[in-house]
PDB file of N, CA and C in Angstrom:
ATOM      1  N   UNK A   1      -9.353  -2.304  -1.702  1.00  0.00           N
ATOM      2  CA  UNK A   1     -10.402  -1.516  -1.213  1.00  0.00           C
ATOM      3  C   UNK A   1      -9.857  -0.683  -0.061  1.00  0.00           C
ATOM      4  N   UNK A   2     -10.086   0.672  -0.195  1.00  0.00           N
ATOM      5  CA  UNK A   2      -9.620   1.581   0.900  1.00  0.00           C
ATOM      6  C   UNK A   2     -10.488   1.367   2.133  1.00  0.00           C
ATOM      7  N   UNK A   3      -9.816   1.084   3.249  1.00  0.00           N
ATOM      8  CA  UNK A   3     -10.535   0.852   4.499  1.00  0.00           C
ATOM      9  C   UNK A   3     -10.587   2.123   5.344  1.00  0.00           C
ATOM     10  N   UNK A   4      -9.443   2.779   5.459  1.00  0.00           N
ATOM     11  CA  UNK A   4      -9.388   3.988   6.321  1.00  0.00           C
ATOM     12  C   UNK A   4      -8.179   4.832   5.937  1.00  0.00           C
ATOM     13  N   UNK A   5      -8.249   6.041   6.350  1.00  0.00           N
ATOM     14  CA  UNK A   5      -7.141   7.017   6.189  1.00  0.00           C
ATOM     15  C   UNK A   5      -6.807   7.523   7.536  1.00  0.00           C
ATOM     16  N   UNK A   6      -5.515   7.356   7.938  1.00  0.00           N
ATOM     17  CA  UNK A   6      -5.080   7.800   9.227  1.00  0.00           C
ATOM     18  C   UNK A   6      -3.870   8.767   9.004  1.00  0.00           C
ATOM     19  N   UNK A   7      -4.153  10.019   9.212  1.00  0.00           N
ATOM     20  CA  UNK A   7      -3.059  11.029   8.875  1.00  0.00           C
ATOM     21  C   UNK A   7      -2.716  10.999   7.420  1.00  0.00           C
ATOM     22  N   UNK A   8      -1.461  10.758   7.146  1.00  0.00           N
ATOM     23  CA  UNK A   8      -1.009  10.681   5.749  1.00  0.00           C
ATOM     24  C   UNK A   8      -0.920   9.237   5.218  1.00  0.00           C
ATOM     25  N   UNK A   9      -1.522   8.295   5.921  1.00  0.00           N
ATOM     26  CA  UNK A   9      -1.425   6.898   5.490  1.00  0.00           C
ATOM     27  C   UNK A   9      -2.795   6.373   5.079  1.00  0.00           C
ATOM     28  N   UNK A  10      -2.823   5.675   3.907  1.00  0.00           N
ATOM     29  CA  UNK A  10      -4.046   5.034   3.450  1.00  0.00           C
ATOM     30  C   UNK A  10      -3.891   3.549   3.700  1.00  0.00           C
ATOM     31  N   UNK A  11      -4.920   2.922   4.260  1.00  0.00           N
ATOM     32  CA  UNK A  11      -4.903   1.543   4.588  1.00  0.00           C
ATOM     33  C   UNK A  11      -5.883   0.792   3.679  1.00  0.00           C
ATOM     34  N   UNK A  12      -5.406  -0.177   2.936  1.00  0.00           N
ATOM     35  CA  UNK A  12      -6.139  -0.954   1.986  1.00  0.00           C
ATOM     36  C   UNK A  12      -6.266  -2.336   2.405  1.00  0.00           C
ATOM     37  N   UNK A  13      -7.424  -2.999   2.188  1.00  0.00           N
ATOM     38  CA  UNK A  13      -7.620  -4.414   2.492  1.00  0.00           C
ATOM     39  C   UNK A  13      -8.045  -5.127   1.203  1.00  0.00           C
ATOM     40  N   UNK A  14      -7.397  -6.288   0.941  1.00  0.00           N
ATOM     41  CA  UNK A  14      -7.745  -7.100  -0.201  1.00  0.00           C
ATOM     42  C   UNK A  14      -9.129  -7.763   0.090  1.00  0.00           C
ATOM     43  N   UNK A  15     -10.077  -7.656  -0.911  1.00  0.00           N
ATOM     44  CA  UNK A  15     -11.404  -8.127  -0.611  1.00  0.00           C
ATOM     45  C   UNK A  15     -11.508  -9.631  -0.448  1.00  0.00           C
ATOM     46  N   UNK A  16     -10.633 -10.425  -1.037  1.00  0.00           N
ATOM     47  CA  UNK A  16     -10.762 -11.831  -0.912  1.00  0.00           C
ATOM     48  C   UNK A  16      -9.839 -12.417   0.177  1.00  0.00           C
ATOM     49  N   UNK A  17      -8.582 -11.985   0.251  1.00  0.00           N
ATOM     50  CA  UNK A  17      -7.643 -12.604   1.185  1.00  0.00           C
ATOM     51  C   UNK A  17      -7.578 -11.894   2.550  1.00  0.00           C
ATOM     52  N   UNK A  18      -8.168 -10.684   2.626  1.00  0.00           N
ATOM     53  CA  UNK A  18      -8.148  -9.893   3.881  1.00  0.00           C
ATOM     54  C   UNK A  18      -6.821  -9.391   4.234  1.00  0.00           C
ATOM     55  N   UNK A  19      -5.812  -9.464   3.370  1.00  0.00           N
ATOM     56  CA  UNK A  19      -4.469  -8.899   3.641  1.00  0.00           C
ATOM     57  C   UNK A  19      -4.651  -7.374   3.704  1.00  0.00           C
ATOM     58  N   UNK A  20      -3.817  -6.752   4.473  1.00  0.00           N
ATOM     59  CA  UNK A  20      -3.893  -5.295   4.677  1.00  0.00           C
ATOM     60  C   UNK A  20      -2.478  -4.733   4.236  1.00  0.00           C
ATOM     61  N   UNK A  21      -2.587  -3.637   3.427  1.00  0.00           N
ATOM     62  CA  UNK A  21      -1.417  -2.893   2.985  1.00  0.00           C
ATOM     63  C   UNK A  21      -1.586  -1.404   3.347  1.00  0.00           C
ATOM     64  N   UNK A  22      -0.542  -0.909   4.066  1.00  0.00           N
ATOM     65  CA  UNK A  22      -0.629   0.507   4.359  1.00  0.00           C
ATOM     66  C   UNK A  22       0.369   1.287   3.494  1.00  0.00           C
ATOM     67  N   UNK A  23      -0.161   2.340   2.928  1.00  0.00           N
ATOM     68  CA  UNK A  23       0.602   3.160   1.896  1.00  0.00           C
ATOM     69  C   UNK A  23       0.639   4.602   2.421  1.00  0.00           C
ATOM     70  N   UNK A  24       1.792   5.146   2.561  1.00  0.00           N
ATOM     71  CA  UNK A  24       1.859   6.591   2.894  1.00  0.00           C
ATOM     72  C   UNK A  24       1.477   7.426   1.728  1.00  0.00           C
ATOM     73  N   UNK A  25       0.938   8.589   1.975  1.00  0.00           N
ATOM     74  CA  UNK A  25       0.507   9.520   0.977  1.00  0.00           C
ATOM     75  C   UNK A  25       1.271  10.784   1.104  1.00  0.00           C
ATOM     76  N   UNK A  26       2.525  10.819   0.736  1.00  0.00           N
ATOM     77  CA  UNK A  26       3.384  11.968   0.918  1.00  0.00           C
ATOM     78  C   UNK A  26       3.098  13.001  -0.186  1.00  0.00           C
ATOM     79  N   UNK A  27       3.770  14.143   0.002  1.00  0.00           N
ATOM     80  CA  UNK A  27       3.690  15.209  -1.078  1.00  0.00           C
ATOM     81  C   UNK A  27       4.836  15.071  -2.088  1.00  0.00           C
ATOM     82  N   UNK A  28       5.606  13.982  -2.008  1.00  0.00           N
ATOM     83  CA  UNK A  28       6.638  13.683  -2.966  1.00  0.00           C
ATOM     84  C   UNK A  28       6.569  12.215  -3.430  1.00  0.00           C
ATOM     85  N   UNK A  29       7.404  11.884  -4.345  1.00  0.00           N
ATOM     86  CA  UNK A  29       7.398  10.462  -4.857  1.00  0.00           C
ATOM     87  C   UNK A  29       7.890   9.478  -3.796  1.00  0.00           C
ATOM     88  N   UNK A  30       7.356   8.255  -3.939  1.00  0.00           N
ATOM     89  CA  UNK A  30       7.769   7.165  -3.052  1.00  0.00           C
ATOM     90  C   UNK A  30       9.119   6.629  -3.496  1.00  0.00           C
ATOM     91  N   UNK A  31       9.965   6.189  -2.548  1.00  0.00           N
ATOM     92  CA  UNK A  31      11.232   5.495  -2.915  1.00  0.00           C
ATOM     93  C   UNK A  31      11.023   4.130  -3.517  1.00  0.00           C
ATOM     94  N   UNK A  32      12.015   3.688  -4.281  1.00  0.00           N
ATOM     95  CA  UNK A  32      11.916   2.364  -4.948  1.00  0.00           C
ATOM     96  C   UNK A  32      11.698   1.276  -3.946  1.00  0.00           C
ATOM     97  N   UNK A  33      12.419   1.276  -2.812  1.00  0.00           N
ATOM     98  CA  UNK A  33      12.263   0.174  -1.865  1.00  0.00           C
ATOM     99  C   UNK A  33      10.891   0.152  -1.204  1.00  0.00           C
ATOM    100  N   UNK A  34      10.251   1.323  -0.985  1.00  0.00           N
ATOM    101  CA  UNK A  34       8.917   1.343  -0.433  1.00  0.00           C
ATOM    102  C   UNK A  34       7.932   0.797  -1.468  1.00  0.00           C
ATOM    103  N   UNK A  35       8.111   1.218  -2.729  1.00  0.00           N
ATOM    104  CA  UNK A  35       7.195   0.708  -3.814  1.00  0.00           C
ATOM    105  C   UNK A  35       7.278  -0.816  -3.926  1.00  0.00           C
ATOM    106  N   UNK A  36       8.505  -1.367  -3.855  1.00  0.00           N
ATOM    107  CA  UNK A  36       8.706  -2.824  -3.915  1.00  0.00           C
ATOM    108  C   UNK A  36       7.950  -3.534  -2.735  1.00  0.00           C
ATOM    109  N   UNK A  37       8.095  -2.940  -1.537  1.00  0.00           N
ATOM    110  CA  UNK A  37       7.475  -3.451  -0.341  1.00  0.00           C
ATOM    111  C   UNK A  37       5.970  -3.444  -0.441  1.00  0.00           C
ATOM    112  N   UNK A  38       5.410  -2.381  -1.015  1.00  0.00           N
ATOM    113  CA  UNK A  38       3.985  -2.294  -1.301  1.00  0.00           C
ATOM    114  C   UNK A  38       3.503  -3.320  -2.229  1.00  0.00           C
ATOM    115  N   UNK A  39       4.235  -3.469  -3.351  1.00  0.00           N
ATOM    116  CA  UNK A  39       3.884  -4.534  -4.330  1.00  0.00           C
ATOM    117  C   UNK A  39       3.939  -5.900  -3.659  1.00  0.00           C
ATOM    118  N   UNK A  40       4.984  -6.194  -2.900  1.00  0.00           N
ATOM    119  CA  UNK A  40       5.125  -7.455  -2.213  1.00  0.00           C
ATOM    120  C   UNK A  40       3.981  -7.707  -1.298  1.00  0.00           C
ATOM    121  N   UNK A  41       3.623  -6.684  -0.474  1.00  0.00           N
ATOM    122  CA  UNK A  41       2.515  -6.821   0.450  1.00  0.00           C
ATOM    123  C   UNK A  41       1.206  -7.061  -0.241  1.00  0.00           C
ATOM    124  N   UNK A  42       1.015  -6.482  -1.457  1.00  0.00           N
ATOM    125  CA  UNK A  42      -0.186  -6.618  -2.193  1.00  0.00           C
ATOM    126  C   UNK A  42      -0.223  -7.985  -3.023  1.00  0.00           C
ATOM    127  N   UNK A  43       0.882  -8.669  -3.061  1.00  0.00           N
ATOM    128  CA  UNK A  43       0.964  -9.904  -3.794  1.00  0.00           C
ATOM    129  C   UNK A  43       1.176  -9.710  -5.286  1.00  0.00           C
ATOM    130  N   UNK A  44       1.680  -8.531  -5.652  1.00  0.00           N
ATOM    131  CA  UNK A  44       1.853  -8.203  -7.123  1.00  0.00           C
ATOM    132  C   UNK A  44       3.318  -8.402  -7.479  1.00  0.00           C
ATOM    133  N   UNK A  45       3.622  -8.592  -8.679  1.00  0.00           N
ATOM    134  CA  UNK A  45       4.984  -8.698  -9.217  1.00  0.00           C
ATOM    135  C   UNK A  45       5.230  -7.420 -10.008  1.00  0.00           C
ATOM    136  N   UNK A  46       6.384  -6.713  -9.636  1.00  0.00           N
ATOM    137  CA  UNK A  46       6.720  -5.474 -10.278  1.00  0.00           C
ATOM    138  C   UNK A  46       7.122  -5.767 -11.726  1.00  0.00           C
ATOM    139  N   UNK A  47       6.755  -4.827 -12.638  1.00  0.00           N
ATOM    140  CA  UNK A  47       7.082  -4.970 -14.057  1.00  0.00           C
ATOM    141  C   UNK A  47       8.536  -4.622 -14.324  1.00  0.00           C
TER     142      UNK A  47
END
């Protein structure tokens, strides 16, 4: 669930665990390392 937008960053909070993940919203693609970190922070496993 999107909680807030600060500049170019979107902050999401998991509705059950209350974990927070901050995702930049750039005008270009995200790097592989950043995508892996976002997946890890969200508790997801990359395909």
